[in-house]
């Protein structure tokens, strides 16, 4: 049996605890008080929830990809792409 060291995708700290399951997949919680990412999973059911997907959307938009192109390539919904772009525009 192999034991994998689980780290928070945001702060990269190993200070994590198990936090139940969702759809048969283990959830974890970050115990670092300074981390903005509280709960996460290693495998998500929906690709749009994965860590780093927002950066990919912004990068593809900067390279002149449209909303439908991005959603097709990353296999996420067009509404997720729109939300990320609106959030980026407000900043």
N, C-alpha and C. Protein backbone atom coordinates (compact mmCIF):
# COMPACT_ATOMS: atom_id res chain seq x y z
N UNK A 1 0.84 -1.19 0.00
CA UNK A 1 0.00 0.00 0.00
C UNK A 1 0.88 1.24 0.00
N UNK A 2 0.60 2.15 -0.89
CA UNK A 2 1.38 3.38 -0.97
C UNK A 2 0.64 4.51 -0.26
N UNK A 3 1.41 5.34 0.41
CA UNK A 3 0.85 6.51 1.08
C UNK A 3 1.31 7.75 0.31
N UNK A 4 0.38 8.54 -0.13
CA UNK A 4 0.72 9.75 -0.86
C UNK A 4 0.64 10.94 0.08
N UNK A 5 1.61 11.84 -0.02
CA UNK A 5 1.62 13.05 0.79
C UNK A 5 0.69 14.06 0.11
N UNK A 6 -0.37 14.43 0.79
CA UNK A 6 -1.35 15.36 0.25
C UNK A 6 -0.98 16.76 0.69
N UNK A 7 -0.94 17.69 -0.27
CA UNK A 7 -0.63 19.09 0.04
C UNK A 7 -1.76 19.97 -0.50
N UNK A 8 -1.95 21.09 0.15
CA UNK A 8 -2.95 22.06 -0.28
C UNK A 8 -2.54 22.62 -1.65
N UNK A 9 -3.46 22.66 -2.61
CA UNK A 9 -3.10 23.19 -3.93
C UNK A 9 -2.84 24.69 -3.94
N UNK A 10 -3.30 25.40 -2.93
CA UNK A 10 -3.14 26.85 -2.88
C UNK A 10 -1.83 27.25 -2.19
N UNK A 11 -1.64 26.78 -0.96
CA UNK A 11 -0.47 27.22 -0.17
C UNK A 11 0.66 26.20 -0.16
N UNK A 12 0.43 25.01 -0.70
CA UNK A 12 1.44 23.94 -0.81
C UNK A 12 1.89 23.40 0.56
N UNK A 13 1.11 23.64 1.59
CA UNK A 13 1.42 23.13 2.93
C UNK A 13 0.86 21.72 3.09
N UNK A 14 1.51 20.92 3.91
CA UNK A 14 1.05 19.56 4.17
C UNK A 14 0.16 19.49 5.41
N UNK A 15 -0.24 20.64 5.94
CA UNK A 15 -1.09 20.70 7.12
C UNK A 15 -2.54 20.53 6.70
N UNK A 16 -2.96 19.30 6.44
CA UNK A 16 -4.32 19.04 5.99
C UNK A 16 -4.95 17.96 6.84
N UNK A 17 -6.27 17.90 6.80
CA UNK A 17 -7.04 16.86 7.48
C UNK A 17 -8.11 16.36 6.53
N UNK A 18 -8.54 15.12 6.73
CA UNK A 18 -9.65 14.60 5.95
C UNK A 18 -10.92 15.33 6.36
N UNK A 19 -11.82 15.52 5.39
CA UNK A 19 -13.03 16.29 5.64
C UNK A 19 -14.25 15.60 5.00
N UNK A 20 -14.37 14.29 5.17
CA UNK A 20 -15.52 13.56 4.63
C UNK A 20 -15.32 13.19 3.18
N UNK A 21 -16.41 12.72 2.56
CA UNK A 21 -16.38 12.34 1.15
C UNK A 21 -17.51 13.00 0.40
N UNK A 22 -17.34 13.11 -0.91
CA UNK A 22 -18.36 13.65 -1.78
C UNK A 22 -18.33 12.83 -3.07
N UNK A 23 -19.44 12.23 -3.42
CA UNK A 23 -19.53 11.36 -4.59
C UNK A 23 -18.47 10.26 -4.55
N UNK A 24 -18.18 9.75 -3.37
CA UNK A 24 -17.22 8.67 -3.22
C UNK A 24 -15.76 9.10 -3.27
N UNK A 25 -15.49 10.39 -3.33
CA UNK A 25 -14.13 10.89 -3.39
C UNK A 25 -13.81 11.65 -2.10
N UNK A 26 -12.60 11.47 -1.60
CA UNK A 26 -12.18 12.07 -0.34
C UNK A 26 -12.02 13.58 -0.44
N UNK A 27 -12.57 14.31 0.53
CA UNK A 27 -12.39 15.76 0.64
C UNK A 27 -11.35 16.02 1.71
N UNK A 28 -10.62 17.12 1.57
CA UNK A 28 -9.60 17.52 2.54
C UNK A 28 -9.83 18.96 2.93
N UNK A 29 -9.32 19.34 4.11
CA UNK A 29 -9.41 20.72 4.57
C UNK A 29 -8.00 21.19 4.95
N UNK A 30 -7.67 22.42 4.56
CA UNK A 30 -6.36 22.99 4.86
C UNK A 30 -6.40 23.59 6.26
N UNK A 31 -5.42 23.23 7.09
CA UNK A 31 -5.36 23.72 8.46
C UNK A 31 -4.47 24.95 8.61
N UNK A 32 -3.93 25.46 7.52
CA UNK A 32 -3.12 26.67 7.54
C UNK A 32 -4.05 27.87 7.68
N UNK A 33 -3.90 28.65 8.72
CA UNK A 33 -4.79 29.79 8.98
C UNK A 33 -4.67 30.88 7.91
N UNK A 34 -3.52 30.99 7.25
CA UNK A 34 -3.30 32.05 6.25
C UNK A 34 -3.74 31.65 4.84
N UNK A 35 -4.19 30.42 4.67
CA UNK A 35 -4.57 29.92 3.35
C UNK A 35 -6.02 30.30 3.04
N UNK A 36 -6.27 30.76 1.83
CA UNK A 36 -7.63 31.13 1.43
C UNK A 36 -8.42 29.92 0.94
N UNK A 37 -7.73 28.84 0.62
CA UNK A 37 -8.38 27.62 0.14
C UNK A 37 -8.68 26.74 1.35
N UNK A 38 -9.92 26.59 1.70
CA UNK A 38 -10.26 25.84 2.90
C UNK A 38 -10.48 24.36 2.60
N UNK A 39 -11.32 24.02 1.66
CA UNK A 39 -11.66 22.64 1.37
C UNK A 39 -11.31 22.33 -0.08
N UNK A 40 -10.80 21.11 -0.31
CA UNK A 40 -10.44 20.72 -1.68
C UNK A 40 -10.48 19.21 -1.81
N UNK A 41 -10.45 18.74 -3.05
CA UNK A 41 -10.40 17.32 -3.38
C UNK A 41 -9.24 17.11 -4.34
N UNK A 42 -8.70 15.90 -4.36
CA UNK A 42 -7.62 15.60 -5.30
C UNK A 42 -8.17 15.29 -6.69
N UNK A 43 -9.35 14.66 -6.74
CA UNK A 43 -10.00 14.35 -8.01
C UNK A 43 -11.40 14.94 -7.99
N UNK A 44 -11.68 15.81 -8.94
CA UNK A 44 -13.01 16.42 -9.02
C UNK A 44 -13.84 15.72 -10.08
N UNK A 45 -15.13 15.66 -9.84
CA UNK A 45 -16.06 15.08 -10.80
C UNK A 45 -16.19 16.00 -12.01
N UNK A 46 -16.21 17.31 -11.76
CA UNK A 46 -16.38 18.32 -12.80
C UNK A 46 -15.06 19.04 -13.01
N UNK A 47 -14.60 19.10 -14.24
CA UNK A 47 -13.30 19.70 -14.58
C UNK A 47 -13.22 21.17 -14.19
N UNK A 48 -14.34 21.88 -14.20
CA UNK A 48 -14.34 23.30 -13.89
C UNK A 48 -13.95 23.63 -12.46
N UNK A 49 -13.97 22.66 -11.56
CA UNK A 49 -13.60 22.88 -10.16
C UNK A 49 -12.13 22.65 -9.89
N UNK A 50 -11.40 22.11 -10.84
CA UNK A 50 -10.00 21.79 -10.61
C UNK A 50 -9.15 23.03 -10.37
N UNK A 51 -8.10 22.83 -9.58
CA UNK A 51 -7.18 23.92 -9.27
C UNK A 51 -6.46 24.37 -10.55
N UNK A 52 -6.41 25.66 -10.80
CA UNK A 52 -5.68 26.21 -11.94
C UNK A 52 -6.51 26.41 -13.19
N UNK A 53 -7.78 26.02 -13.17
CA UNK A 53 -8.61 26.13 -14.37
C UNK A 53 -8.89 27.60 -14.71
N UNK A 54 -9.02 28.45 -13.69
CA UNK A 54 -9.27 29.88 -13.94
C UNK A 54 -8.09 30.51 -14.69
N UNK A 55 -6.87 30.14 -14.32
CA UNK A 55 -5.69 30.68 -14.99
C UNK A 55 -5.63 30.22 -16.44
N UNK A 56 -6.06 28.97 -16.69
CA UNK A 56 -6.09 28.46 -18.07
C UNK A 56 -7.10 29.24 -18.91
N UNK A 57 -8.25 29.55 -18.32
CA UNK A 57 -9.28 30.31 -19.03
C UNK A 57 -8.76 31.70 -19.40
N UNK A 58 -8.13 32.37 -18.45
CA UNK A 58 -7.59 33.72 -18.70
C UNK A 58 -6.49 33.67 -19.75
N UNK A 59 -5.64 32.67 -19.67
CA UNK A 59 -4.56 32.52 -20.64
C UNK A 59 -5.09 32.28 -22.05
N UNK A 60 -6.10 31.44 -22.16
CA UNK A 60 -6.67 31.17 -23.49
C UNK A 60 -7.39 32.39 -24.04
N UNK A 61 -8.00 33.19 -23.16
CA UNK A 61 -8.66 34.41 -23.60
C UNK A 61 -7.64 35.42 -24.12
N UNK A 62 -6.49 35.48 -23.46
CA UNK A 62 -5.43 36.38 -23.90
C UNK A 62 -4.88 35.97 -25.26
N UNK A 63 -5.03 34.70 -25.61
CA UNK A 63 -4.59 34.21 -26.91
C UNK A 63 -5.72 34.18 -27.92
N UNK A 64 -6.75 34.98 -27.70
CA UNK A 64 -7.86 35.22 -28.63
C UNK A 64 -8.79 34.03 -28.82
N UNK A 65 -8.92 33.17 -27.82
CA UNK A 65 -9.89 32.08 -27.91
C UNK A 65 -11.24 32.58 -27.42
N UNK A 66 -12.30 32.15 -28.05
CA UNK A 66 -13.65 32.54 -27.66
C UNK A 66 -14.19 31.67 -26.53
N UNK A 67 -15.32 32.08 -25.98
CA UNK A 67 -15.93 31.37 -24.87
C UNK A 67 -16.27 29.94 -25.25
N UNK A 68 -16.88 29.74 -26.40
CA UNK A 68 -17.25 28.37 -26.80
C UNK A 68 -16.03 27.52 -27.08
N UNK A 69 -14.98 28.12 -27.64
CA UNK A 69 -13.73 27.38 -27.88
C UNK A 69 -13.11 26.92 -26.57
N UNK A 70 -13.06 27.81 -25.60
CA UNK A 70 -12.47 27.49 -24.30
C UNK A 70 -13.26 26.38 -23.61
N UNK A 71 -14.58 26.50 -23.62
CA UNK A 71 -15.40 25.49 -22.95
C UNK A 71 -15.26 24.13 -23.62
N UNK A 72 -15.12 24.10 -24.92
CA UNK A 72 -14.96 22.83 -25.65
C UNK A 72 -13.60 22.20 -25.36
N UNK A 73 -12.54 22.99 -25.39
CA UNK A 73 -11.18 22.47 -25.18
C UNK A 73 -10.97 22.00 -23.75
N UNK A 74 -11.42 22.80 -22.76
CA UNK A 74 -11.22 22.46 -21.36
C UNK A 74 -12.31 21.54 -20.80
N UNK A 75 -13.34 21.28 -21.62
CA UNK A 75 -14.47 20.43 -21.23
C UNK A 75 -15.18 20.95 -19.99
N UNK A 76 -15.51 22.25 -20.02
CA UNK A 76 -16.27 22.90 -18.95
C UNK A 76 -17.42 23.66 -19.60
N UNK A 77 -18.33 24.16 -18.76
CA UNK A 77 -19.49 24.87 -19.30
C UNK A 77 -19.13 26.30 -19.72
N UNK A 78 -19.90 26.82 -20.65
CA UNK A 78 -19.70 28.19 -21.10
C UNK A 78 -19.99 29.18 -19.98
N UNK A 79 -20.92 28.83 -19.09
CA UNK A 79 -21.24 29.74 -17.97
C UNK A 79 -20.06 29.85 -17.01
N UNK A 80 -19.30 28.77 -16.81
CA UNK A 80 -18.10 28.82 -15.96
C UNK A 80 -17.08 29.77 -16.57
N UNK A 81 -16.89 29.69 -17.88
CA UNK A 81 -15.94 30.57 -18.57
C UNK A 81 -16.38 32.02 -18.42
N UNK A 82 -17.67 32.28 -18.62
CA UNK A 82 -18.20 33.64 -18.50
C UNK A 82 -18.02 34.20 -17.09
N UNK A 83 -18.29 33.38 -16.06
CA UNK A 83 -18.12 33.83 -14.68
C UNK A 83 -16.69 34.21 -14.38
N UNK A 84 -15.73 33.40 -14.85
CA UNK A 84 -14.33 33.68 -14.60
C UNK A 84 -13.91 34.98 -15.29
N UNK A 85 -14.38 35.17 -16.51
CA UNK A 85 -14.00 36.38 -17.26
C UNK A 85 -14.64 37.63 -16.65
N UNK A 86 -15.88 37.51 -16.16
CA UNK A 86 -16.53 38.65 -15.50
C UNK A 86 -15.80 38.99 -14.20
N UNK A 87 -15.43 37.97 -13.44
CA UNK A 87 -14.70 38.18 -12.19
C UNK A 87 -13.35 38.86 -12.47
N UNK A 88 -12.68 38.44 -13.53
CA UNK A 88 -11.39 39.03 -13.91
C UNK A 88 -11.57 40.47 -14.33
N UNK A 89 -12.64 40.76 -15.04
CA UNK A 89 -12.90 42.12 -15.53
C UNK A 89 -13.16 43.08 -14.38
N UNK A 90 -13.79 42.60 -13.30
CA UNK A 90 -14.10 43.46 -12.16
C UNK A 90 -12.86 43.79 -11.33
N UNK A 91 -11.81 43.00 -11.44
CA UNK A 91 -10.61 43.25 -10.64
C UNK A 91 -9.77 44.33 -11.19
